[in-house]
């Protein structure tokens, strides 16, 4: 019988018993695993599309795209070639590091889906298996992530366009009303795309589908099981909130003894001792946040992978429908 608690229990067991997955969770967490509900909170909290236009206007107003900027770069290359080469090397190094971090994030996401599916199917999976799967499916999974995230970003820009074009022409209340209406009309599509991405990635890795077939199957799977998908998303969203609250309370609780030790170190070793204790506290708090985020990422991806396998078995029925039928 399909029960959410069985999925969540198994996902937790996978997360806790296979601690090497936490390494993958550190980087997979950078991609976000909020199941689509973070799209709603993001839209109401910061207005992604509107902020993009404001940021673009400010960036372009610096004149970086003007002919004068290009002329200045050419003159700098002529007058101080060493400085220009140094700047380019720094930029190249940053790009390489960002590319490596992107590779780690995508490969970790693939490894978690691959190994979680193996554990759910009562098979063994090692760290090396995860790395191999990450290398094998990197490009198609990267393509799914880019396609969906760009599509969602464009949807936010589309939502913001009515507000941008009516700015100064209508009052603030009317502008906000227009944004809410556009948000209600387009946000279900954005959330659906985020669900589709999870299922498409599962089709790529578990079912060995090709790129376009996985997208088509992922979208169809979401449409056939949209209510169950939303129920799972709400459950994971609630669990994430609880864990975030626990992490915050843990850090606040640990702040008191660290401050106490800091003042003791201050009296024993002067200001240097105080700052050493502050540094230790900062490292400890960062470690707690990274560890919690890593375990949560493993737990969420394992939950979605198990749900996908339940869909494939044809055994997933909405809790709401079961309650109504009962």
Protein backbone atom coordinates (compact mmCIF):
# COMPACT_ATOMS: atom_id res chain seq x y z
CA UNK A 1 0.00 0.00 0.00
CA UNK A 2 1.29 3.46 -0.94
CA UNK A 3 2.02 5.56 2.16
CA UNK A 4 4.09 8.72 2.40
CA UNK A 5 5.49 7.70 5.76
CA UNK A 6 7.01 4.58 4.21
CA UNK A 7 8.76 6.69 1.57
CA UNK A 8 9.99 9.21 4.13
CA UNK A 9 11.12 6.45 6.51
CA UNK A 10 13.06 4.66 3.78
CA UNK A 11 14.61 7.93 2.58
CA UNK A 12 15.78 8.66 6.12
CA UNK A 13 17.25 5.17 6.48
CA UNK A 14 19.12 5.60 3.19
CA UNK A 15 20.43 8.99 4.34
CA UNK A 16 21.54 7.79 7.77
CA UNK A 17 22.95 4.36 6.93
CA UNK A 18 24.97 5.50 3.90
CA UNK A 19 26.90 8.44 5.26
CA UNK A 20 29.16 8.67 2.21
CA UNK A 21 26.11 10.09 0.43
CA UNK A 22 26.50 13.22 2.58
CA UNK A 23 29.47 14.19 0.45
CA UNK A 24 27.23 14.22 -2.61
CA UNK A 25 24.56 16.02 -0.61
CA UNK A 26 26.85 18.98 0.08
CA UNK A 27 27.07 19.83 -3.62
CA UNK A 28 23.62 18.62 -4.67
CA UNK A 29 22.15 21.09 -2.16
CA UNK A 30 23.56 23.95 -4.26
CA UNK A 31 21.05 23.09 -7.02
CA UNK A 32 18.11 23.40 -4.66
CA UNK A 33 15.70 20.62 -3.81
CA UNK A 34 12.65 22.54 -2.65
CA UNK A 35 10.30 20.60 -4.92
CA UNK A 36 8.80 23.66 -6.56
CA UNK A 37 7.30 25.30 -3.47
CA UNK A 38 10.34 27.55 -3.14
CA UNK A 39 9.20 29.06 -6.44
CA UNK A 40 6.10 30.42 -4.73
CA UNK A 41 8.02 31.88 -1.78
CA UNK A 42 10.64 33.33 -4.12
CA UNK A 43 8.03 35.01 -6.28
CA UNK A 44 6.27 36.67 -3.36
CA UNK A 45 9.43 37.55 -1.44
CA UNK A 46 11.73 39.12 -4.01
CA UNK A 47 10.05 39.17 -7.42
CA UNK A 48 12.80 37.52 -9.46
CA UNK A 49 11.80 39.00 -12.78
CA UNK A 50 11.47 42.54 -11.47
CA UNK A 51 14.81 42.33 -9.68
CA UNK A 52 16.41 41.09 -12.89
CA UNK A 53 15.27 44.17 -14.83
CA UNK A 54 16.33 46.53 -12.05
CA UNK A 55 19.72 44.82 -11.77
CA UNK A 56 20.16 44.85 -15.55
CA UNK A 57 19.40 48.56 -15.73
CA UNK A 58 21.91 49.33 -13.01
CA UNK A 59 24.54 47.10 -14.61
CA UNK A 60 24.08 48.56 -18.09
CA UNK A 61 24.10 52.12 -16.68
CA UNK A 62 27.75 51.60 -15.71
CA UNK A 63 28.57 51.82 -19.42
CA UNK A 64 30.31 48.47 -19.54
CA UNK A 65 28.71 47.71 -22.92
CA UNK A 66 29.60 51.08 -24.44
CA UNK A 67 32.26 51.69 -27.07
CA UNK A 68 34.15 53.76 -24.50
CA UNK A 69 34.49 50.72 -22.23
CA UNK A 70 35.87 48.65 -25.10
CA UNK A 71 38.27 51.46 -25.95
CA UNK A 72 39.47 51.62 -22.33
CA UNK A 73 40.09 47.87 -22.31
CA UNK A 74 42.09 48.11 -25.53
CA UNK A 75 44.15 51.01 -24.13
CA UNK A 76 44.80 49.10 -20.90
CA UNK A 77 45.98 46.13 -22.95
CA UNK A 78 48.43 48.37 -24.82
CA UNK A 79 49.65 50.45 -21.87
CA UNK A 80 49.72 47.80 -19.15
CA UNK A 81 49.61 44.36 -20.72
CA UNK A 82 50.77 42.62 -17.54
CA UNK A 83 47.88 44.00 -15.46
CA UNK A 84 45.36 43.07 -18.14
CA UNK A 85 46.74 39.55 -18.46
CA UNK A 86 46.61 39.21 -14.67
CA UNK A 87 42.94 40.27 -14.63
CA UNK A 88 42.12 37.82 -17.41
CA UNK A 89 43.90 35.02 -15.55
CA UNK A 90 41.92 35.78 -12.40
CA UNK A 91 38.66 35.76 -14.38
CA UNK A 92 39.65 32.50 -16.08
CA UNK A 93 40.48 30.92 -12.70
CA UNK A 94 37.11 31.99 -11.29
CA UNK A 95 35.31 30.55 -14.32
CA UNK A 96 37.19 27.26 -14.00
CA UNK A 97 36.32 27.02 -10.29
CA UNK A 98 32.65 27.81 -11.00
CA UNK A 99 32.62 25.21 -13.78
CA UNK A 100 34.14 22.63 -11.45
CA UNK A 101 31.58 23.46 -8.77
CA UNK A 102 28.78 23.10 -11.34
CA UNK A 103 30.18 19.71 -12.38
CA UNK A 104 30.31 18.58 -8.75
CA UNK A 105 26.72 19.71 -8.14
CA UNK A 106 25.26 17.96 -11.20
CA UNK A 107 27.36 14.81 -10.70
CA UNK A 108 26.31 14.68 -7.03
CA UNK A 109 22.65 14.99 -7.96
CA UNK A 110 23.03 12.10 -10.41
CA UNK A 111 24.92 10.00 -7.85
CA UNK A 112 22.19 10.45 -5.25
CA UNK A 113 19.42 9.47 -7.68
CA UNK A 114 21.41 6.48 -8.95
CA UNK A 115 22.42 5.14 -5.54
CA UNK A 116 19.05 5.86 -3.91
CA UNK A 117 17.30 3.86 -6.63
CA UNK A 118 19.74 0.99 -6.07
CA UNK A 119 19.13 0.96 -2.30
CA UNK A 120 15.35 1.14 -2.78
CA UNK A 121 15.57 -1.84 -5.12
CA UNK A 122 17.57 -3.75 -2.49
CA UNK A 123 20.83 -3.51 -4.40
CA UNK A 124 24.25 -2.34 -3.30
CA UNK A 125 25.77 0.94 -4.47
CA UNK A 126 29.16 2.37 -3.61
CA UNK A 127 30.72 5.80 -3.78
CA UNK A 128 32.43 4.80 -7.02
CA UNK A 129 29.08 3.76 -8.52
CA UNK A 130 27.78 7.25 -7.83
CA UNK A 131 30.84 8.88 -9.37
CA UNK A 132 30.57 6.68 -12.48
CA UNK A 133 26.88 7.52 -12.91
CA UNK A 134 27.70 11.21 -12.49
CA UNK A 135 30.23 11.08 -15.29
CA UNK A 136 27.94 9.02 -17.55
CA UNK A 137 24.79 11.17 -17.29
CA UNK A 138 26.34 14.58 -16.64
CA UNK A 139 25.51 16.26 -19.95
CA UNK A 140 21.85 15.22 -20.31
CA UNK A 141 21.11 16.01 -16.65
CA UNK A 142 22.89 19.35 -17.02
CA UNK A 143 20.71 20.01 -20.07
CA UNK A 144 17.53 19.26 -18.10
CA UNK A 145 18.60 21.54 -15.24
CA UNK A 146 19.53 24.41 -17.54
CA UNK A 147 16.40 24.08 -19.68
CA UNK A 148 14.04 24.01 -16.70
CA UNK A 149 15.76 26.72 -14.66
CA UNK A 150 15.96 29.07 -17.67
CA UNK A 151 12.30 28.37 -18.46
CA UNK A 152 11.26 29.14 -14.88
CA UNK A 153 13.35 32.31 -14.90
CA UNK A 154 11.71 33.44 -18.15
CA UNK A 155 8.30 32.76 -16.60
CA UNK A 156 9.18 35.07 -13.70
CA UNK A 157 10.26 37.76 -16.16
CA UNK A 158 6.99 37.27 -18.05
CA UNK A 159 5.06 37.65 -14.79
CA UNK A 160 6.89 40.89 -14.02
CA UNK A 161 6.43 42.47 -17.46
CA UNK A 162 2.89 43.84 -16.81
CA UNK A 163 4.09 45.49 -13.61
CA UNK A 164 7.18 46.96 -15.30
CA UNK A 165 5.23 48.37 -18.25
CA UNK A 166 2.51 49.86 -16.01
CA UNK A 167 5.00 51.40 -13.55
CA UNK A 168 4.17 55.08 -13.05
CA UNK A 169 0.92 54.72 -14.98
CA UNK A 170 -1.12 53.05 -12.23
CA UNK A 171 -1.00 53.18 -8.44
CA UNK A 172 0.91 50.67 -6.33
CA UNK A 173 -2.20 48.71 -5.32
CA UNK A 174 -3.20 48.17 -8.96
CA UNK A 175 0.36 47.17 -9.91
CA UNK A 176 0.47 44.61 -7.10
CA UNK A 177 -2.93 43.28 -8.15
CA UNK A 178 -1.68 42.82 -11.72
CA UNK A 179 1.38 40.97 -10.43
CA UNK A 180 -0.72 38.62 -8.28
CA UNK A 181 -3.03 37.81 -11.22
CA UNK A 182 -0.06 37.10 -13.51
CA UNK A 183 1.55 35.08 -10.71
CA UNK A 184 -1.57 32.91 -10.29
CA UNK A 185 -1.81 32.34 -14.04
CA UNK A 186 1.81 31.36 -14.72
CA UNK A 187 3.22 29.96 -11.48
CA UNK A 188 1.53 26.53 -11.83
CA UNK A 189 3.48 26.09 -15.06
CA UNK A 190 6.74 26.96 -13.31
CA UNK A 191 6.03 24.52 -10.48
CA UNK A 192 5.05 21.83 -12.99
CA UNK A 193 8.37 22.31 -14.78
CA UNK A 194 10.28 21.84 -11.51
CA UNK A 195 8.45 18.55 -10.90
CA UNK A 196 9.02 17.50 -14.50
CA UNK A 197 12.77 18.06 -14.06
CA UNK A 198 12.91 15.63 -11.13
CA UNK A 199 11.04 12.95 -13.03
CA UNK A 200 12.95 13.55 -16.28
CA UNK A 201 16.26 13.12 -14.44
CA UNK A 202 14.95 9.88 -12.92
CA UNK A 203 13.96 8.65 -16.39
CA UNK A 204 17.44 9.49 -17.68
CA UNK A 205 19.30 7.70 -14.90
CA UNK A 206 17.00 4.87 -13.83
CA UNK A 207 15.11 4.07 -17.05
CA UNK A 208 17.97 5.01 -19.42
CA UNK A 209 15.70 7.19 -21.61
CA UNK A 210 17.23 9.65 -24.05
CA UNK A 211 17.06 13.41 -23.42
CA UNK A 212 13.85 14.39 -25.20
CA UNK A 213 12.05 11.19 -24.29
CA UNK A 214 12.84 11.78 -20.62
CA UNK A 215 11.40 15.30 -20.80
CA UNK A 216 8.23 14.04 -22.48
CA UNK A 217 7.82 11.19 -20.01
CA UNK A 218 8.62 13.43 -17.05
CA UNK A 219 5.93 15.92 -18.05
CA UNK A 220 3.39 13.14 -18.64
CA UNK A 221 4.21 11.58 -15.28
CA UNK A 222 3.64 14.91 -13.55
CA UNK A 223 0.30 15.46 -15.29
CA UNK A 224 -0.84 11.96 -14.32
CA UNK A 225 0.25 12.38 -10.70
CA UNK A 226 0.16 16.12 -10.06
CA UNK A 227 -1.81 15.87 -6.81
CA UNK A 228 0.55 13.31 -5.27
CA UNK A 229 3.50 15.45 -6.39
CA UNK A 230 2.09 18.48 -4.59
CA UNK A 231 1.38 16.46 -1.46
CA UNK A 232 4.95 15.16 -1.38
CA UNK A 233 6.24 18.67 -2.01
CA UNK A 234 4.28 20.06 0.95
CA UNK A 235 5.54 17.27 3.20
CA UNK A 236 9.18 17.86 2.25
CA UNK A 237 8.72 21.62 2.48
CA UNK A 238 7.36 21.26 6.02
CA UNK A 239 10.20 18.92 7.00
CA UNK A 240 12.72 21.40 5.59
CA UNK A 241 11.18 24.21 7.65
CA UNK A 242 11.34 22.09 10.83
CA UNK A 243 14.97 21.14 10.22
CA UNK A 244 15.87 24.77 9.47
CA UNK A 245 14.24 25.81 12.75
CA UNK A 246 16.14 23.10 14.64
CA UNK A 247 19.43 24.24 13.09
CA UNK A 248 18.73 27.88 14.02
CA UNK A 249 17.81 26.94 17.61
CA UNK A 250 20.91 24.74 17.89
CA UNK A 251 23.17 27.58 16.75
CA UNK A 252 21.48 30.05 19.11
CA UNK A 253 21.87 27.60 21.99
CA UNK A 254 25.56 27.04 21.24
CA UNK A 255 26.15 30.78 20.99
CA UNK A 256 25.87 31.17 24.78
CA UNK A 257 28.69 28.77 25.78
CA UNK A 258 30.87 30.04 22.94
CA UNK A 259 30.44 33.63 24.15
CA UNK A 260 31.21 32.53 27.71
CA UNK A 261 34.38 30.75 26.54
CA UNK A 262 35.24 33.76 24.42
CA UNK A 263 35.28 36.07 27.43
CA UNK A 264 37.33 33.55 29.41
CA UNK A 265 39.86 33.40 26.56
CA UNK A 266 39.83 37.19 26.46
CA UNK A 267 40.87 37.44 30.10
CA UNK A 268 43.47 34.66 29.71
CA UNK A 269 44.99 35.52 26.33
CA UNK A 270 43.73 39.07 25.71
CA UNK A 271 41.94 40.00 22.45
CA UNK A 272 43.69 37.27 20.42
CA UNK A 273 42.09 34.54 22.52
CA UNK A 274 38.64 36.09 22.09
CA UNK A 275 38.94 36.18 18.29
CA UNK A 276 40.27 32.61 18.22
CA UNK A 277 37.14 31.47 20.03
CA UNK A 278 34.95 33.51 17.65
CA UNK A 279 36.71 31.82 14.71
CA UNK A 280 36.13 28.36 16.23
CA UNK A 281 32.46 29.22 16.81
CA UNK A 282 32.05 30.43 13.23
CA UNK A 283 33.61 27.26 11.82
CA UNK A 284 31.42 25.11 14.09
CA UNK A 285 28.22 26.92 13.05
CA UNK A 286 29.16 26.65 9.37
CA UNK A 287 29.84 22.92 9.78
CA UNK A 288 26.40 22.43 11.37
CA UNK A 289 24.68 24.28 8.52
CA UNK A 290 26.58 22.36 5.83
CA UNK A 291 25.97 19.00 7.52
CA UNK A 292 22.24 19.65 7.96
CA UNK A 293 21.91 20.88 4.37
CA UNK A 294 23.79 17.86 3.07
CA UNK A 295 21.64 15.31 4.94
CA UNK A 296 18.48 17.16 3.94
CA UNK A 297 19.51 17.08 0.26
CA UNK A 298 20.13 13.32 0.42
CA UNK A 299 16.80 12.79 2.19
CA UNK A 300 14.83 14.86 -0.34
CA UNK A 301 16.38 13.30 -3.43
CA UNK A 302 15.91 9.80 -2.00
CA UNK A 303 12.25 10.65 -1.27
CA UNK A 304 11.60 11.86 -4.83
CA UNK A 305 13.41 8.86 -6.27
CA UNK A 306 11.27 6.48 -4.23
CA UNK A 307 8.12 8.36 -5.27
CA UNK A 308 9.16 8.06 -8.92
CA UNK A 309 9.58 4.30 -8.53
CA UNK A 310 6.14 4.12 -6.89
CA UNK A 311 4.68 5.95 -9.89
CA UNK A 312 6.33 3.47 -12.24
CA UNK A 313 4.76 0.61 -10.29
CA UNK A 314 1.38 2.32 -10.60
CA UNK A 315 0.86 2.30 -6.83
CA UNK A 316 0.75 6.00 -5.91
CA UNK A 317 -2.65 7.35 -4.88
CA UNK A 318 -3.25 10.80 -3.44
CA UNK A 319 -3.86 11.02 0.31
CA UNK A 320 -6.66 13.49 -0.34
CA UNK A 321 -8.40 11.08 -2.72
CA UNK A 322 -8.01 8.24 -0.23
CA UNK A 323 -9.56 10.36 2.53
CA UNK A 324 -12.47 11.36 0.29
CA UNK A 325 -13.09 7.77 -0.76
CA UNK A 326 -12.94 6.66 2.86
